[in-house]
Amino acid sequence: MNTAERAAAIKRPVLSMESQGDLLSRIGQTPLLPLRRILPDEPGVSLWAKWEGANPSGSLKDRIVHRIVSEALTDGSLKPGMTVVEASSGNTGIAMGMVGALMGLRMRVYMPETKSLERRRLMRFWGVDLHLTSGEDPNSHIHTAEALVREYPNEYFYLDQNGCQGNVVAHADGTAAEIFAQTNGRVDVVIASLGTSGTLMGLGSWFREHKPAVRIISVEPAQAQSRIEGLLFVSPDYVPPIYDAGLVDQTIHISDEDAIAEARRLAQSEGLFCGISSGACTAAARQLAPGLDGKCVVGVLADRGDRYLSTDLLKGVEA
């Protein structure tokens, strides 16, 4: 067979534009990546990263925004002409911008003024109507969004990521089930940061049903006023309505400094440019590692690092 005949014999795939799907179809099924250099002194621990930065807008919040909005359109609670409103520290608002652009929906977000400039710009770039609230009260954006919806219930649909079970179900049906399948059921420990608590509640509820022996580890900041954006310090002042402490086996508190150092280590040793909360997850894995010999550990890395360029994550890095 000559070269021309060999070339003709190669079976080429027939691509159908209809079968490719739009950007929303690329949400979820994020990769599970081995972390081979984070725990050099614990060779018996198999550490993996559920890389949620691979979602289209760059974070795991794509999962919940698409799910909640789609269900609300189906059941009629989100009616034509209404604006979707939410309180967000950034990633949910960014996901809302992408989803809104694709689904033709108006999006309004309330966010504390202390959050990174990149988050503001990304939301506004995608067309989000962004309003900043006081940085002195870490829950000011939640109170403001809830007040708006109470006053104008027919004009605004409240995404309510802190209270909507769609947040939990998105991570149960998606994140948890994917981790189980990607590890061939061998996962022993899952570590995730506590924000709205949707990720942890989805993981906890799914694994309690399908593999109860899996330990669910929650990561929180060590102090209420924290630079780990997206993480919640649980206190009597505010607990997300969807949070159920019974689904968490252990809580680990991580300092801002350790989270930032670990996020830098992820980039420099594993090539993963993640947000600071991802650093908090691997810092928690480092604390747990001495007791995890022979275990398969998965850390949920929530987002990409491109929304932290003006934060302490890149402090000292010259342009």
Protein backbone atom coordinates (compact mmCIF):
# COMPACT_ATOMS: atom_id res chain seq x y z
CA MET A 1 0.00 0.00 0.00
CA ASN A 2 1.49 3.33 -1.05
CA THR A 3 1.26 6.59 0.86
CA ALA A 4 -1.84 7.79 -0.97
CA GLU A 5 -3.63 4.49 -0.35
CA ARG A 6 -2.71 4.53 3.35
CA ALA A 7 -4.00 8.08 3.68
CA ALA A 8 -7.27 7.13 1.98
CA ALA A 9 -7.67 4.15 4.30
CA ILE A 10 -7.54 6.26 7.48
CA LYS A 11 -11.02 6.46 8.94
CA ARG A 12 -11.83 10.05 9.66
CA PRO A 13 -14.60 10.98 12.15
CA VAL A 14 -17.67 12.63 10.72
CA LEU A 15 -18.32 15.76 12.74
CA SER A 16 -21.85 16.98 13.21
CA MET A 17 -22.27 20.57 14.35
CA GLU A 18 -25.58 19.57 15.94
CA SER A 19 -23.90 16.91 18.09
CA GLN A 20 -21.28 19.17 19.61
CA GLY A 21 -23.53 21.04 22.04
CA ASP A 22 -23.00 24.59 23.32
CA LEU A 23 -20.80 25.80 26.14
CA LEU A 24 -23.36 24.81 28.78
CA SER A 25 -22.96 21.16 27.78
CA ARG A 26 -19.31 21.42 28.84
CA ILE A 27 -20.21 22.02 32.49
CA GLY A 28 -19.12 19.16 34.74
CA GLN A 29 -17.16 15.99 33.99
CA THR A 30 -14.07 17.89 35.11
CA PRO A 31 -10.76 15.99 35.21
CA LEU A 32 -9.34 14.15 38.20
CA LEU A 33 -5.60 14.83 38.26
CA PRO A 34 -2.86 13.13 40.31
CA LEU A 35 -0.92 15.38 42.68
CA ARG A 36 2.48 13.70 42.86
CA ARG A 37 4.62 16.39 44.50
CA ILE A 38 2.44 17.97 47.19
CA LEU A 39 3.09 15.23 49.79
CA PRO A 40 6.65 14.02 49.12
CA ASP A 41 7.04 12.72 52.69
CA GLU A 42 3.87 10.63 52.51
CA PRO A 43 4.42 8.25 49.56
CA GLY A 44 1.66 5.92 50.77
CA VAL A 45 -1.06 8.54 50.22
CA SER A 46 -2.71 8.70 46.81
CA LEU A 47 -3.68 12.38 46.42
CA TRP A 48 -5.89 13.59 43.57
CA ALA A 49 -7.33 16.94 42.51
CA LYS A 50 -10.88 17.34 41.21
CA TRP A 51 -10.02 20.25 38.92
CA GLU A 52 -13.15 22.44 38.86
CA GLY A 53 -11.26 25.22 37.14
CA ALA A 54 -11.89 23.24 33.95
CA ASN A 55 -15.54 24.34 33.96
CA PRO A 56 -16.34 26.91 31.24
CA SER A 57 -16.33 30.04 33.43
CA GLY A 58 -13.50 28.69 35.58
CA SER A 59 -15.15 27.37 38.74
CA LEU A 60 -17.48 24.77 40.21
CA LYS A 61 -20.22 27.41 40.42
CA ASP A 62 -21.12 26.73 36.79
CA ARG A 63 -22.72 23.51 38.02
CA ILE A 64 -25.10 25.13 40.48
CA VAL A 65 -26.07 28.22 38.47
CA HIS A 66 -27.01 26.18 35.41
CA ARG A 67 -28.93 23.65 37.52
CA ILE A 68 -30.90 26.14 39.61
CA VAL A 69 -31.75 28.41 36.69
CA SER A 70 -32.79 25.53 34.43
CA GLU A 71 -35.06 24.06 37.11
CA ALA A 72 -36.58 27.47 37.84
CA LEU A 73 -37.38 28.01 34.15
CA THR A 74 -38.95 24.55 34.00
CA ASP A 75 -41.14 24.91 37.09
CA GLY A 76 -42.12 28.49 36.27
CA SER A 77 -40.64 30.19 39.33
CA LEU A 78 -38.34 32.14 36.98
CA LYS A 79 -40.75 33.93 34.68
CA PRO A 80 -40.09 35.92 31.49
CA GLY A 81 -38.92 39.43 32.28
CA MET A 82 -37.60 38.62 35.76
CA THR A 83 -33.99 39.31 36.74
CA VAL A 84 -31.97 36.63 38.51
CA VAL A 85 -30.37 38.05 41.65
CA GLU A 86 -27.77 36.56 43.98
CA ALA A 87 -25.30 37.35 46.75
CA SER A 88 -21.86 36.18 45.69
CA SER A 89 -18.23 36.51 46.71
CA GLY A 90 -17.35 36.20 43.02
CA ASN A 91 -17.42 32.78 41.40
CA THR A 92 -21.20 32.39 41.39
CA GLY A 93 -21.56 35.87 39.94
CA ILE A 94 -19.04 35.07 37.20
CA ALA A 95 -20.90 31.84 36.40
CA MET A 96 -24.15 33.81 36.29
CA GLY A 97 -22.62 36.11 33.69
CA MET A 98 -21.74 33.21 31.40
CA VAL A 99 -25.03 31.37 31.89
CA GLY A 100 -27.02 34.58 31.48
CA ALA A 101 -25.27 35.40 28.22
CA LEU A 102 -26.09 31.97 26.81
CA MET A 103 -29.66 31.74 28.12
CA GLY A 104 -30.69 35.35 27.49
CA LEU A 105 -31.25 36.20 31.17
CA ARG A 106 -30.60 39.41 33.12
CA MET A 107 -28.34 38.89 36.12
CA ARG A 108 -27.81 41.09 39.20
CA VAL A 109 -25.17 40.33 41.84
CA TYR A 110 -24.40 41.81 45.25
CA MET A 111 -20.79 41.32 46.39
CA PRO A 112 -18.72 42.72 49.29
CA GLU A 113 -16.39 45.52 48.24
CA THR A 114 -13.42 43.60 49.69
CA LYS A 115 -13.38 41.00 46.92
CA SER A 116 -10.80 41.04 44.13
CA LEU A 117 -10.92 43.51 41.25
CA GLU A 118 -10.71 40.67 38.74
CA ARG A 119 -14.02 39.30 39.96
CA ARG A 120 -15.70 42.68 39.46
CA ARG A 121 -14.32 43.05 35.95
CA LEU A 122 -15.18 39.50 34.86
CA MET A 123 -18.78 39.87 36.00
CA ARG A 124 -19.25 43.25 34.36
CA PHE A 125 -17.53 42.03 31.21
CA TRP A 126 -20.16 39.27 30.94
CA GLY A 127 -22.95 41.81 31.46
CA VAL A 128 -23.77 41.28 35.14
CA ASP A 129 -25.38 44.20 36.99
CA LEU A 130 -22.94 44.25 39.92
CA HIS A 131 -23.54 46.13 43.18
CA LEU A 132 -20.90 46.31 45.93
CA THR A 133 -21.83 46.13 49.61
CA SER A 134 -20.00 46.91 52.85
CA GLY A 135 -16.82 44.98 53.52
CA GLU A 136 -17.19 45.43 57.27
CA ASP A 137 -20.03 42.89 57.42
CA PRO A 138 -19.03 39.68 55.59
CA ASN A 139 -22.73 38.88 55.07
CA SER A 140 -23.84 42.33 53.88
CA HIS A 141 -24.34 41.09 50.31
CA ILE A 142 -26.68 38.32 51.49
CA HIS A 143 -28.82 40.67 53.57
CA THR A 144 -29.05 43.17 50.69
CA ALA A 145 -30.08 40.57 48.10
CA GLU A 146 -32.69 39.07 50.41
CA ALA A 147 -34.17 42.50 51.16
CA LEU A 148 -34.49 43.26 47.43
CA VAL A 149 -36.33 40.01 46.71
CA ARG A 150 -38.68 40.53 49.65
CA GLU A 151 -39.59 44.00 48.39
CA TYR A 152 -39.94 43.10 44.69
CA PRO A 153 -40.85 39.38 44.53
CA ASN A 154 -42.37 39.63 41.05
CA GLU A 155 -39.36 41.32 39.51
CA TYR A 156 -36.46 39.28 40.91
CA PHE A 157 -35.81 35.55 41.09
CA TYR A 158 -33.50 34.74 43.99
CA LEU A 159 -30.91 32.13 43.04
CA ASP A 160 -30.32 31.61 46.78
CA GLN A 161 -27.23 29.41 46.62
CA ASN A 162 -27.05 29.38 50.43
CA GLY A 163 -30.55 27.99 50.81
CA CYS A 164 -31.49 26.24 47.57
CA GLN A 165 -31.31 22.44 47.51
CA GLY A 166 -30.41 22.68 43.82
CA ASN A 167 -26.93 23.66 45.01
CA VAL A 168 -26.66 20.39 46.96
CA VAL A 169 -28.15 18.22 44.21
CA ALA A 170 -25.85 19.67 41.55
CA HIS A 171 -22.83 18.49 43.52
CA ALA A 172 -24.37 15.18 44.55
CA ASP A 173 -25.41 14.16 41.03
CA GLY A 174 -22.33 15.78 39.50
CA THR A 175 -19.20 16.27 41.61
CA ALA A 176 -19.65 13.33 44.00
CA ALA A 177 -20.79 10.80 41.39
CA GLU A 178 -17.93 11.84 39.09
CA ILE A 179 -15.32 11.39 41.85
CA PHE A 180 -16.64 7.92 42.62
CA ALA A 181 -16.58 6.91 38.93
CA GLN A 182 -13.17 8.47 38.24
CA THR A 183 -11.55 6.63 41.17
CA ASN A 184 -13.34 3.37 40.27
CA GLY A 185 -14.98 3.56 43.68
CA ARG A 186 -11.66 3.52 45.55
CA VAL A 187 -11.95 7.00 47.09
CA ASP A 188 -11.54 7.06 50.90
CA VAL A 189 -11.40 10.76 51.78
CA VAL A 190 -12.82 13.87 50.08
CA ILE A 191 -11.69 17.37 51.09
CA ALA A 192 -13.62 20.49 50.10
CA SER A 193 -13.81 24.10 51.24
CA LEU A 194 -16.89 25.41 53.06
CA GLY A 195 -18.53 28.39 51.37
CA THR A 196 -22.26 28.10 50.76
CA SER A 197 -21.71 24.48 51.88
CA GLY A 198 -23.33 23.15 48.69
CA THR A 199 -20.25 21.22 47.58
CA LEU A 200 -19.79 19.57 50.98
CA MET A 201 -23.49 18.81 51.41
CA GLY A 202 -23.67 17.28 47.93
CA LEU A 203 -20.58 15.18 48.59
CA GLY A 204 -21.78 14.14 52.04
CA SER A 205 -25.31 13.20 51.02
CA TRP A 206 -24.18 11.20 47.96
CA PHE A 207 -21.43 9.28 49.72
CA ARG A 208 -23.60 8.56 52.78
CA GLU A 209 -25.90 6.70 50.40
CA HIS A 210 -23.39 5.07 48.06
CA LYS A 211 -20.20 4.60 50.13
CA PRO A 212 -20.70 5.64 53.76
CA ALA A 213 -17.10 4.85 54.72
CA VAL A 214 -15.82 7.86 52.75
CA ARG A 215 -14.72 10.63 55.12
CA ILE A 216 -15.92 14.14 54.23
CA ILE A 217 -13.50 16.86 55.37
CA SER A 218 -14.60 20.50 55.56
CA VAL A 219 -12.04 23.30 55.27
CA GLU A 220 -12.74 26.69 56.86
CA PRO A 221 -10.61 29.81 57.37
CA ALA A 222 -8.94 30.13 60.76
CA GLN A 223 -10.47 33.54 61.39
CA ALA A 224 -13.75 35.31 60.56
CA GLN A 225 -12.07 38.11 58.56
CA SER A 226 -10.14 36.08 56.01
CA ARG A 227 -8.36 36.63 52.71
CA ILE A 228 -9.40 33.17 51.50
CA GLU A 229 -12.13 34.37 49.17
CA GLY A 230 -15.14 32.10 48.87
CA LEU A 231 -14.63 30.41 52.25
CA LEU A 232 -17.02 30.86 55.15
CA PHE A 233 -16.06 30.99 58.81
CA VAL A 234 -19.08 29.33 60.44
CA SER A 235 -20.33 31.34 63.42
CA PRO A 236 -23.63 31.93 65.22
CA ASP A 237 -24.03 35.10 63.11
CA TYR A 238 -24.69 33.14 59.94
CA VAL A 239 -24.98 29.47 58.98
CA PRO A 240 -26.08 28.58 55.43
CA PRO A 241 -29.61 27.11 55.54
CA ILE A 242 -28.52 24.09 53.49
CA TYR A 243 -25.68 23.23 55.89
CA ASP A 244 -25.99 19.98 57.83
CA ALA A 245 -23.09 19.35 60.21
CA GLY A 246 -24.03 15.67 60.32
CA LEU A 247 -22.74 15.22 56.77
CA VAL A 248 -19.22 16.38 57.71
CA ASP A 249 -16.78 14.06 59.48
CA GLN A 250 -14.12 16.61 60.35
CA THR A 251 -13.48 20.34 60.04
CA ILE A 252 -9.97 21.73 59.56
CA HIS A 253 -9.21 25.43 59.97
CA ILE A 254 -6.49 26.85 57.71
CA SER A 255 -4.75 30.21 58.10
CA ASP A 256 -4.65 32.69 55.24
CA GLU A 257 -0.87 32.39 55.09
CA ASP A 258 -0.93 28.60 54.77
CA ALA A 259 -3.65 28.69 52.11
CA ILE A 260 -1.71 31.20 50.01
CA ALA A 261 1.54 29.26 50.40
CA GLU A 262 -0.15 26.03 49.30
CA ALA A 263 -1.83 27.70 46.32
CA ARG A 264 1.60 28.88 45.19
CA ARG A 265 2.98 25.38 45.74
CA LEU A 266 0.23 23.92 43.55
CA ALA A 267 1.30 26.17 40.69
CA GLN A 268 5.03 25.71 41.12
CA SER A 269 5.07 21.96 41.77
CA GLU A 270 1.97 20.66 39.98
CA GLY A 271 1.42 23.35 37.35
CA LEU A 272 -2.12 24.09 38.57
CA PHE A 273 -2.94 27.80 38.80
CA CYS A 274 -5.73 27.73 41.40
CA GLY A 275 -7.46 30.06 43.77
CA ILE A 276 -6.56 30.44 47.43
CA SER A 277 -9.31 28.11 48.65
CA SER A 278 -7.67 25.32 46.65
CA GLY A 279 -4.50 26.01 48.59
CA ALA A 280 -6.54 25.64 51.78
CA CYS A 281 -7.66 22.20 50.59
CA THR A 282 -4.14 20.95 49.97
CA ALA A 283 -3.00 22.49 53.27
CA ALA A 284 -5.69 20.37 54.95
CA ALA A 285 -4.45 17.31 53.06
CA ARG A 286 -0.96 18.02 54.38
CA GLN A 287 -2.30 18.05 57.97
CA LEU A 288 -4.23 14.81 57.48
CA ALA A 289 -1.57 12.93 55.52
CA PRO A 290 0.29 11.21 58.40
CA GLY A 291 -2.83 9.19 59.20
CA LEU A 292 -3.82 8.37 55.63
CA ASP A 293 -1.29 5.76 54.54
CA GLY A 294 -2.76 3.61 51.80
CA LYS A 295 -5.77 5.88 51.33
CA CYS A 296 -7.12 7.52 48.18
CA VAL A 297 -7.70 11.21 48.90
CA VAL A 298 -9.48 13.66 46.61
CA GLY A 299 -9.34 17.43 47.08
CA VAL A 300 -11.90 19.60 45.29
CA LEU A 301 -10.02 22.54 43.76
CA ALA A 302 -12.79 25.07 43.29
CA ASP A 303 -11.52 27.55 40.72
CA ARG A 304 -8.75 28.97 38.54
CA GLY A 305 -6.26 31.54 39.76
CA ASP A 306 -6.99 34.17 37.12
CA ARG A 307 -9.45 35.93 39.45
CA TYR A 308 -6.80 36.45 42.14
CA LEU A 309 -4.19 38.45 40.25
CA SER A 310 -4.57 41.52 42.47
CA THR A 311 -4.57 39.56 45.74
CA ASP A 312 -1.78 38.39 48.01
CA LEU A 313 -1.55 35.20 45.95
CA LEU A 314 0.71 37.03 43.48
CA LYS A 315 2.28 39.43 45.97
CA GLY A 316 5.94 40.02 45.13
CA VAL A 317 5.58 38.76 41.56
CA GLU A 318 6.88 41.48 39.25
CA ALA A 319 5.23 42.31 35.94
